[in-house]
Protein backbone atom coordinates (compact mmCIF):
# COMPACT_ATOMS: atom_id res chain seq x y z
CA MET A 1 83.62 103.62 96.17
CA LYS A 2 87.32 103.87 97.04
CA PHE A 3 88.55 106.27 99.66
CA MET A 4 92.02 107.74 99.83
CA PHE A 5 93.02 105.62 102.83
CA ASP A 6 91.09 102.39 102.66
CA PRO A 7 92.09 100.03 105.51
CA GLN A 8 91.32 96.96 103.39
CA ARG A 9 93.49 98.15 100.51
CA ASP A 10 96.22 100.04 102.33
CA ASN A 11 97.11 97.64 105.14
CA VAL A 12 100.53 96.85 103.65
CA PRO A 13 102.77 96.04 105.39
CA ASN A 14 100.45 94.55 107.95
CA LYS A 15 101.92 95.95 111.15
CA PRO A 16 101.12 98.73 113.59
CA TYR A 17 101.97 102.27 112.50
CA HIS A 18 104.62 102.70 115.20
CA GLU A 19 106.48 99.64 113.87
CA ASP A 20 106.36 100.75 110.24
CA GLY A 21 109.32 103.16 110.31
CA ASN A 22 112.58 102.76 108.46
CA ILE A 23 115.31 102.60 111.09
CA GLN A 24 117.84 104.35 108.78
CA TYR A 25 115.87 107.59 109.28
CA TYR A 26 116.49 107.54 113.03
CA SER A 27 120.24 108.11 112.96
CA VAL A 28 121.56 111.22 114.72
CA LYS A 29 122.32 112.81 111.34
CA GLU A 30 118.80 112.17 109.97
CA ARG A 31 117.09 113.38 113.14
CA LYS A 32 119.13 116.61 113.06
CA ALA A 33 118.18 117.10 109.40
CA ARG A 34 114.48 116.71 110.23
CA ARG A 35 114.77 119.15 113.14
CA ALA A 36 116.47 121.66 110.83
CA LEU A 37 113.39 121.60 108.59
CA LYS A 38 111.41 123.31 111.36
CA SER A 39 113.37 126.52 110.82
CA ASP A 40 113.88 126.27 107.05
CA PRO A 41 112.20 129.34 105.47
CA VAL A 42 111.04 127.42 102.38
CA VAL A 43 109.44 124.70 104.50
CA LYS A 44 107.81 127.24 106.81
CA GLU A 45 106.44 129.20 103.86
CA ALA A 46 105.02 126.03 102.28
CA ILE A 47 103.36 124.96 105.53
CA ASN A 48 101.95 128.42 106.18
CA GLY A 49 100.63 128.59 102.61
CA PHE A 50 98.96 125.22 103.03
CA MET A 51 97.44 126.19 106.38
CA ASN A 52 96.13 129.45 104.94
CA LEU A 53 94.15 127.48 102.37
CA PHE A 54 92.13 125.90 105.15
CA SER A 55 92.08 128.51 107.91
CA GLN A 56 90.37 131.49 106.37
CA SER A 57 88.03 133.34 108.67
CA GLY A 58 84.55 134.54 108.02
CA PRO A 59 81.47 132.75 106.78
CA PRO A 60 81.75 129.21 105.35
CA SER A 61 81.34 130.58 101.82
CA ASN A 62 84.75 132.30 102.27
CA ARG A 63 86.43 129.07 103.37
CA VAL A 64 86.08 127.13 100.15
CA VAL A 65 89.03 125.43 98.50
CA GLN A 66 88.55 124.94 94.80
CA LYS A 67 88.39 121.33 93.65
CA ASP A 68 91.53 121.52 91.46
CA GLU A 69 93.56 123.06 94.29
CA TYR A 70 92.27 120.48 96.78
CA ILE A 71 93.22 117.62 94.45
CA ARG A 72 96.65 119.13 93.74
CA ILE A 73 97.49 119.65 97.42
CA PHE A 74 96.15 116.37 98.75
CA THR A 75 97.71 114.37 95.92
CA LYS A 76 101.08 115.78 97.01
CA ILE A 77 100.30 114.76 100.59
CA ALA A 78 99.32 111.26 99.43
CA GLU A 79 102.54 111.01 97.40
CA ALA A 80 104.52 111.91 100.52
CA LEU A 81 102.61 109.39 102.64
CA TYR A 82 102.98 106.63 100.06
CA HIS A 83 106.60 107.51 99.20
CA GLY A 84 108.48 104.41 98.15
CA SER A 85 105.33 102.34 97.73
CA GLN A 86 105.47 102.41 93.91
CA ARG A 87 101.88 103.70 93.82
CA ASP A 88 100.91 105.33 90.55
CA PRO A 89 100.56 109.13 91.05
CA ASP A 90 97.50 109.10 88.77
CA GLU A 91 95.91 106.48 91.02
CA LEU A 92 96.60 108.66 94.07
CA ALA A 93 95.04 111.67 92.32
CA LYS A 94 91.98 109.55 91.50
CA TRP A 95 91.62 108.51 95.16
CA VAL A 96 91.82 112.16 96.22
CA LYS A 97 89.27 113.18 93.57
CA ASP A 98 86.93 110.37 94.69
CA ASP A 99 87.29 111.52 98.31
CA PHE A 100 86.51 115.09 97.32
CA GLU A 101 83.44 114.06 95.36
CA SER A 102 82.13 111.78 98.09
CA ASP A 103 82.52 114.56 100.67
CA SER A 104 80.95 117.28 98.49
């Protein structure tokens, strides 16, 4: 069974996480742009909406995320994490679906 983040499959490039950044994103301009995202209303709304999916109160039966919504959200996260890797979005969705099914 494949998991979304399989160390044997996903260890490319083979270097520590802290060395895997793209230095062009650490310019003053790029760092300011990232900081500005913290106060962007669209970004804040998206993050709050995402967090609300997983932080409902009450009994566990009230804290269920439907399978389709889980796959949609986590596929987007995987696409962001694998950005630039030329991974097939359908393959990412399959990994997320497999993860969901193995955890259910």
